[in-house]
Every structure is written in structure tokens, then in C-alpha cells.
Amino acid sequence: MPKPSRLFISHSHKDRPLVERLARVLDEHKLRHWYSERHIVGAQQWHDEIGKALRRCNWLVLVLSPAAVASRWVKYELLFALEAKAYREHIVVLDYRKANYRALSWTLRSLQWVDFRHGFDAGCRDLLRIWGQKHRPAKAKPPTKRAVAGRRPR
């Protein structure tokens, strides 16, 4: 599958911790993406900005959770992608938290799914594989002198 020109991450604001982590991985792998918390600034008209972003992107990554199922904006974003030619076969569902996906759309099961419920790194590996990318987990930072010494410096 070709590398996306830009990903739209559809999610509930309640799932922001996962989305922030995912965005860092996408940055590290040079995959351009858009999501509301990072790309809508201050007084911008968020409704218009979401619409512009959906028209610029060509992949939708839907973070599935109970909060996403309850979000009318996630549903609007998904409906846009389901109807847009640019997103045909370019929608991926990230199975983040067990949720009644049918309440969001009865068509979700026919799309690509990636399991994030059994580990973030494994989920990232499987997601990146869709675009022919190999997951490179972030390297652990070396401990600071303070952590090594186990006490506060004087």
C-alpha cells in the first residue's frame, strides 16, 4: 500500500493520551498527519478547520473507543471519509478500547483494523506495516546522573 500523503486522526478528546503518543511515532516515521488538538490554534473556526483538513488528507485513522462512539464529530469525520473517493480503502480503525462499533457505523467491520488493546508498540508495528514502514520504537533515554546516584545532588 502506498505511503499516505497525510493522515487524518479521528478521535475523541478523551483519548488524547494515545493520540499524542501515536503522533510522536508518526513524526518519527515521517508520516504527515493532522489532528485537532495539535493543528487547530486559538480562535480558529474549528468546524471549518476540520473540514479543510479532511479535504487535504487521504487516509483516516479512527481511534475506536467508547468515547469515540459517543462523539458526534467522530461520526461526522467517518461519514465524510466513507463518502469521499480519496479515502476509498484508506480508512484504518485502531481498536483502542472495547466499544460497540456498530453504534458508530455498521460498515466498520469491513475496514482495516489494527489492535491497540494488547500493546502500543505492537499496534504501531501493525499500523506502520500497512504503509510498508518498519516500526522503530523510541530509544530509551539514558538515565541522568541524579537517577543513577539515587539521591538528590547537593
C-alpha atoms as a PDB file:
ATOM      1  CA  MET A   1       0.000   0.000   0.000  1.00  0.00           C
ATOM      2  CA  PRO A   2       1.430   3.437  -0.843  1.00  0.00           C
ATOM      3  CA  LYS A   3       2.621   5.838   1.818  1.00  0.00           C
ATOM      4  CA  PRO A   4      -0.152   8.325   2.673  1.00  0.00           C
ATOM      5  CA  SER A   5       0.286  11.975   1.763  1.00  0.00           C
ATOM      6  CA  ARG A   6      -1.429  12.972   5.008  1.00  0.00           C
ATOM      7  CA  LEU A   7      -3.368  11.110   7.710  1.00  0.00           C
ATOM      8  CA  PHE A   8      -6.416  12.498   9.491  1.00  0.00           C
ATOM      9  CA  ILE A   9      -6.643  11.141  13.040  1.00  0.00           C
ATOM     10  CA  SER A  10     -10.277  10.951  14.114  1.00  0.00           C
ATOM     11  CA  HIS A  11     -10.651  10.563  17.864  1.00  0.00           C
ATOM     12  CA  SER A  12     -12.446  11.667  20.990  1.00  0.00           C
ATOM     13  CA  HIS A  13     -10.627  14.249  23.104  1.00  0.00           C
ATOM     14  CA  LYS A  14     -10.849  11.698  25.925  1.00  0.00           C
ATOM     15  CA  ASP A  15      -8.392   9.506  24.014  1.00  0.00           C
ATOM     16  CA  ARG A  16      -5.833  12.291  23.652  1.00  0.00           C
ATOM     17  CA  PRO A  17      -3.006  10.479  25.554  1.00  0.00           C
ATOM     18  CA  LEU A  18      -2.968   7.701  22.950  1.00  0.00           C
ATOM     19  CA  VAL A  19      -3.233  10.168  20.080  1.00  0.00           C
ATOM     20  CA  GLU A  20      -0.278  12.196  21.417  1.00  0.00           C
ATOM     21  CA  ARG A  21       1.844   9.034  21.585  1.00  0.00           C
ATOM     22  CA  LEU A  22       0.718   7.967  18.138  1.00  0.00           C
ATOM     23  CA  ALA A  23       1.513  11.417  16.715  1.00  0.00           C
ATOM     24  CA  ARG A  24       5.084  11.167  18.043  1.00  0.00           C
ATOM     25  CA  VAL A  25       5.512   7.789  16.329  1.00  0.00           C
ATOM     26  CA  LEU A  26       4.110   9.171  13.071  1.00  0.00           C
ATOM     27  CA  ASP A  27       6.506  12.137  13.341  1.00  0.00           C
ATOM     28  CA  GLU A  28       9.455   9.781  13.901  1.00  0.00           C
ATOM     29  CA  HIS A  29       8.478   7.829  10.785  1.00  0.00           C
ATOM     30  CA  LYS A  30       7.980  10.988   8.711  1.00  0.00           C
ATOM     31  CA  LEU A  31       4.271  10.373   8.167  1.00  0.00           C
ATOM     32  CA  ARG A  32       2.366  13.641   7.894  1.00  0.00           C
ATOM     33  CA  HIS A  33      -0.807  13.763   9.948  1.00  0.00           C
ATOM     34  CA  TRP A  34      -3.488  16.084  11.247  1.00  0.00           C
ATOM     35  CA  TYR A  35      -5.466  16.032  14.453  1.00  0.00           C
ATOM     36  CA  SER A  36      -7.435  18.753  16.144  1.00  0.00           C
ATOM     37  CA  GLU A  37      -5.501  19.339  19.366  1.00  0.00           C
ATOM     38  CA  ARG A  38      -2.228  19.923  17.539  1.00  0.00           C
ATOM     39  CA  HIS A  39      -3.430  21.736  14.443  1.00  0.00           C
ATOM     40  CA  ILE A  40      -6.287  23.990  15.500  1.00  0.00           C
ATOM     41  CA  VAL A  41      -4.886  27.149  17.047  1.00  0.00           C
ATOM     42  CA  GLY A  42      -6.618  29.606  19.365  1.00  0.00           C
ATOM     43  CA  ALA A  43      -9.561  31.362  17.786  1.00  0.00           C
ATOM     44  CA  GLN A  44      -9.623  29.423  14.515  1.00  0.00           C
ATOM     45  CA  GLN A  45     -13.038  28.217  13.487  1.00  0.00           C
ATOM     46  CA  TRP A  46     -12.571  24.568  14.441  1.00  0.00           C
ATOM     47  CA  HIS A  47     -15.530  23.366  12.362  1.00  0.00           C
ATOM     48  CA  ASP A  48     -14.037  24.894   9.200  1.00  0.00           C
ATOM     49  CA  GLU A  49     -10.521  23.709  10.036  1.00  0.00           C
ATOM     50  CA  ILE A  50     -11.691  20.107  10.441  1.00  0.00           C
ATOM     51  CA  GLY A  51     -13.436  20.277   7.063  1.00  0.00           C
ATOM     52  CA  LYS A  52     -10.321  21.694   5.369  1.00  0.00           C
ATOM     53  CA  ALA A  53      -8.150  19.017   6.938  1.00  0.00           C
ATOM     54  CA  LEU A  54     -10.487  16.224   5.827  1.00  0.00           C
ATOM     55  CA  ARG A  55     -10.287  17.538   2.260  1.00  0.00           C
ATOM     56  CA  ARG A  56      -6.439  17.711   2.386  1.00  0.00           C
ATOM     57  CA  CYS A  57      -5.888  14.234   3.831  1.00  0.00           C
ATOM     58  CA  ASN A  58      -6.151  10.909   2.036  1.00  0.00           C
ATOM     59  CA  TRP A  59      -6.193   8.453   4.970  1.00  0.00           C
ATOM     60  CA  LEU A  60      -8.439   8.353   8.030  1.00  0.00           C
ATOM     61  CA  VAL A  61      -7.138   6.726  11.197  1.00  0.00           C
ATOM     62  CA  LEU A  62     -10.086   6.245  13.544  1.00  0.00           C
ATOM     63  CA  VAL A  63      -9.256   5.684  17.223  1.00  0.00           C
ATOM     64  CA  LEU A  64     -12.087   3.408  18.355  1.00  0.00           C
ATOM     65  CA  SER A  65     -13.205   3.664  21.976  1.00  0.00           C
ATOM     66  CA  PRO A  66     -16.489   4.143  23.852  1.00  0.00           C
ATOM     67  CA  ALA A  67     -15.781   7.887  23.880  1.00  0.00           C
ATOM     68  CA  ALA A  68     -15.284   7.897  20.096  1.00  0.00           C
ATOM     69  CA  VAL A  69     -18.546   6.010  19.576  1.00  0.00           C
ATOM     70  CA  ALA A  70     -20.325   8.659  21.677  1.00  0.00           C
ATOM     71  CA  SER A  71     -18.741  11.568  19.758  1.00  0.00           C
ATOM     72  CA  ARG A  72     -20.877  13.063  17.021  1.00  0.00           C
ATOM     73  CA  TRP A  73     -17.755  14.673  15.496  1.00  0.00           C
ATOM     74  CA  VAL A  74     -16.008  11.321  15.118  1.00  0.00           C
ATOM     75  CA  LYS A  75     -19.138  10.086  13.354  1.00  0.00           C
ATOM     76  CA  TYR A  76     -19.168  13.137  11.034  1.00  0.00           C
ATOM     77  CA  GLU A  77     -15.488  12.612  10.188  1.00  0.00           C
ATOM     78  CA  LEU A  78     -16.039   8.922   9.485  1.00  0.00           C
ATOM     79  CA  LEU A  79     -19.079   9.629   7.294  1.00  0.00           C
ATOM     80  CA  PHE A  80     -17.068  12.173   5.306  1.00  0.00           C
ATOM     81  CA  ALA A  81     -14.311   9.603   4.714  1.00  0.00           C
ATOM     82  CA  LEU A  82     -16.747   6.831   3.800  1.00  0.00           C
ATOM     83  CA  GLU A  83     -18.262   9.055   1.107  1.00  0.00           C
ATOM     84  CA  ALA A  84     -15.044  10.632  -0.236  1.00  0.00           C
ATOM     85  CA  LYS A  85     -13.283   8.978  -3.150  1.00  0.00           C
ATOM     86  CA  ALA A  86      -9.842   9.953  -1.766  1.00  0.00           C
ATOM     87  CA  TYR A  87     -10.428   7.754   1.295  1.00  0.00           C
ATOM     88  CA  ARG A  88     -11.591   4.657  -0.600  1.00  0.00           C
ATOM     89  CA  GLU A  89      -9.732   1.737   1.017  1.00  0.00           C
ATOM     90  CA  HIS A  90      -7.799   4.287   3.073  1.00  0.00           C
ATOM     91  CA  ILE A  91      -9.576   4.024   6.422  1.00  0.00           C
ATOM     92  CA  VAL A  92      -7.969   2.238   9.352  1.00  0.00           C
ATOM     93  CA  VAL A  93      -9.691   1.512  12.659  1.00  0.00           C
ATOM     94  CA  LEU A  94      -7.412   1.460  15.700  1.00  0.00           C
ATOM     95  CA  ASP A  95      -9.082  -0.893  18.173  1.00  0.00           C
ATOM     96  CA  TYR A  96      -8.057   1.025  21.292  1.00  0.00           C
ATOM     97  CA  ARG A  97     -10.770   0.292  23.842  1.00  0.00           C
ATOM     98  CA  LYS A  98     -13.609  -2.219  23.557  1.00  0.00           C
ATOM     99  CA  ALA A  99     -16.579  -0.388  22.078  1.00  0.00           C
ATOM    100  CA  ASN A 100     -19.829  -1.063  20.267  1.00  0.00           C
ATOM    101  CA  TYR A 101     -18.524  -0.124  16.816  1.00  0.00           C
ATOM    102  CA  ARG A 102     -21.958  -0.724  15.255  1.00  0.00           C
ATOM    103  CA  ALA A 103     -23.243   2.343  17.094  1.00  0.00           C
ATOM    104  CA  LEU A 104     -20.727   4.390  15.090  1.00  0.00           C
ATOM    105  CA  SER A 105     -21.185   2.638  11.752  1.00  0.00           C
ATOM    106  CA  TRP A 106     -22.339  -0.797  10.713  1.00  0.00           C
ATOM    107  CA  THR A 107     -19.648  -0.704   7.995  1.00  0.00           C
ATOM    108  CA  LEU A 108     -16.644  -0.529  10.329  1.00  0.00           C
ATOM    109  CA  ARG A 109     -16.048  -4.274  10.406  1.00  0.00           C
ATOM    110  CA  SER A 110     -15.402  -4.239   6.633  1.00  0.00           C
ATOM    111  CA  LEU A 111     -12.468  -1.829   7.057  1.00  0.00           C
ATOM    112  CA  GLN A 112      -8.855  -2.446   8.080  1.00  0.00           C
ATOM    113  CA  TRP A 113      -8.457  -2.920  11.843  1.00  0.00           C
ATOM    114  CA  VAL A 114      -5.316  -2.675  13.952  1.00  0.00           C
ATOM    115  CA  ASP A 115      -5.290  -3.999  17.509  1.00  0.00           C
ATOM    116  CA  PHE A 116      -4.034  -1.441  20.031  1.00  0.00           C
ATOM    117  CA  ARG A 117      -5.655  -3.158  23.021  1.00  0.00           C
ATOM    118  CA  HIS A 118      -2.733  -5.545  23.510  1.00  0.00           C
ATOM    119  CA  GLY A 119       0.152  -3.116  23.387  1.00  0.00           C
ATOM    120  CA  PHE A 120       1.073   0.228  21.903  1.00  0.00           C
ATOM    121  CA  ASP A 121       4.291  -0.889  20.172  1.00  0.00           C
ATOM    122  CA  ALA A 122       2.623  -3.947  18.626  1.00  0.00           C
ATOM    123  CA  GLY A 123      -0.236  -1.750  17.406  1.00  0.00           C
ATOM    124  CA  CYS A 124       2.194   0.770  15.907  1.00  0.00           C
ATOM    125  CA  ARG A 125       4.132  -2.036  14.210  1.00  0.00           C
ATOM    126  CA  ASP A 126       0.953  -3.350  12.574  1.00  0.00           C
ATOM    127  CA  LEU A 127      -0.269   0.127  11.611  1.00  0.00           C
ATOM    128  CA  LEU A 128       3.018   1.145  10.009  1.00  0.00           C
ATOM    129  CA  ARG A 129       3.186  -2.159   8.142  1.00  0.00           C
ATOM    130  CA  ILE A 130       0.092  -1.055   6.191  1.00  0.00           C
ATOM    131  CA  TRP A 131       2.268   1.615   4.525  1.00  0.00           C
ATOM    132  CA  GLY A 132       5.335  -0.589   4.152  1.00  0.00           C
ATOM    133  CA  GLN A 133       7.113   1.048   7.084  1.00  0.00           C
ATOM    134  CA  LYS A 134       9.032  -0.737   9.792  1.00  0.00           C
ATOM    135  CA  HIS A 135       8.302   0.397  13.356  1.00  0.00           C
ATOM    136  CA  ARG A 136      11.325   1.799  15.110  1.00  0.00           C
ATOM    137  CA  PRO A 137      10.394   2.069  18.800  1.00  0.00           C
ATOM    138  CA  ALA A 138      11.760   5.162  20.501  1.00  0.00           C
ATOM    139  CA  LYS A 139      15.074   4.510  22.176  1.00  0.00           C
ATOM    140  CA  ALA A 140      15.099   4.748  25.935  1.00  0.00           C
ATOM    141  CA  LYS A 141      16.905   7.812  27.194  1.00  0.00           C
ATOM    142  CA  PRO A 142      19.997   7.095  29.294  1.00  0.00           C
ATOM    143  CA  PRO A 143      19.450   7.689  32.998  1.00  0.00           C
ATOM    144  CA  THR A 144      20.546  11.015  34.382  1.00  0.00           C
ATOM    145  CA  LYS A 145      23.294  11.253  36.994  1.00  0.00           C
ATOM    146  CA  ARG A 146      20.619  12.012  39.535  1.00  0.00           C
ATOM    147  CA  ALA A 147      18.733   8.811  38.717  1.00  0.00           C
ATOM    148  CA  VAL A 148      21.942   6.764  38.715  1.00  0.00           C
ATOM    149  CA  ALA A 149      23.055   8.106  42.069  1.00  0.00           C
ATOM    150  CA  GLY A 150      19.620   7.503  43.545  1.00  0.00           C
ATOM    151  CA  ARG A 151      19.725  10.717  45.530  1.00  0.00           C
ATOM    152  CA  ARG A 152      19.386  14.417  45.047  1.00  0.00           C
ATOM    153  CA  PRO A 153      22.566  16.344  44.229  1.00  0.00           C
ATOM    154  CA  ARG A 154      23.656  18.910  46.822  1.00  0.00           C
END
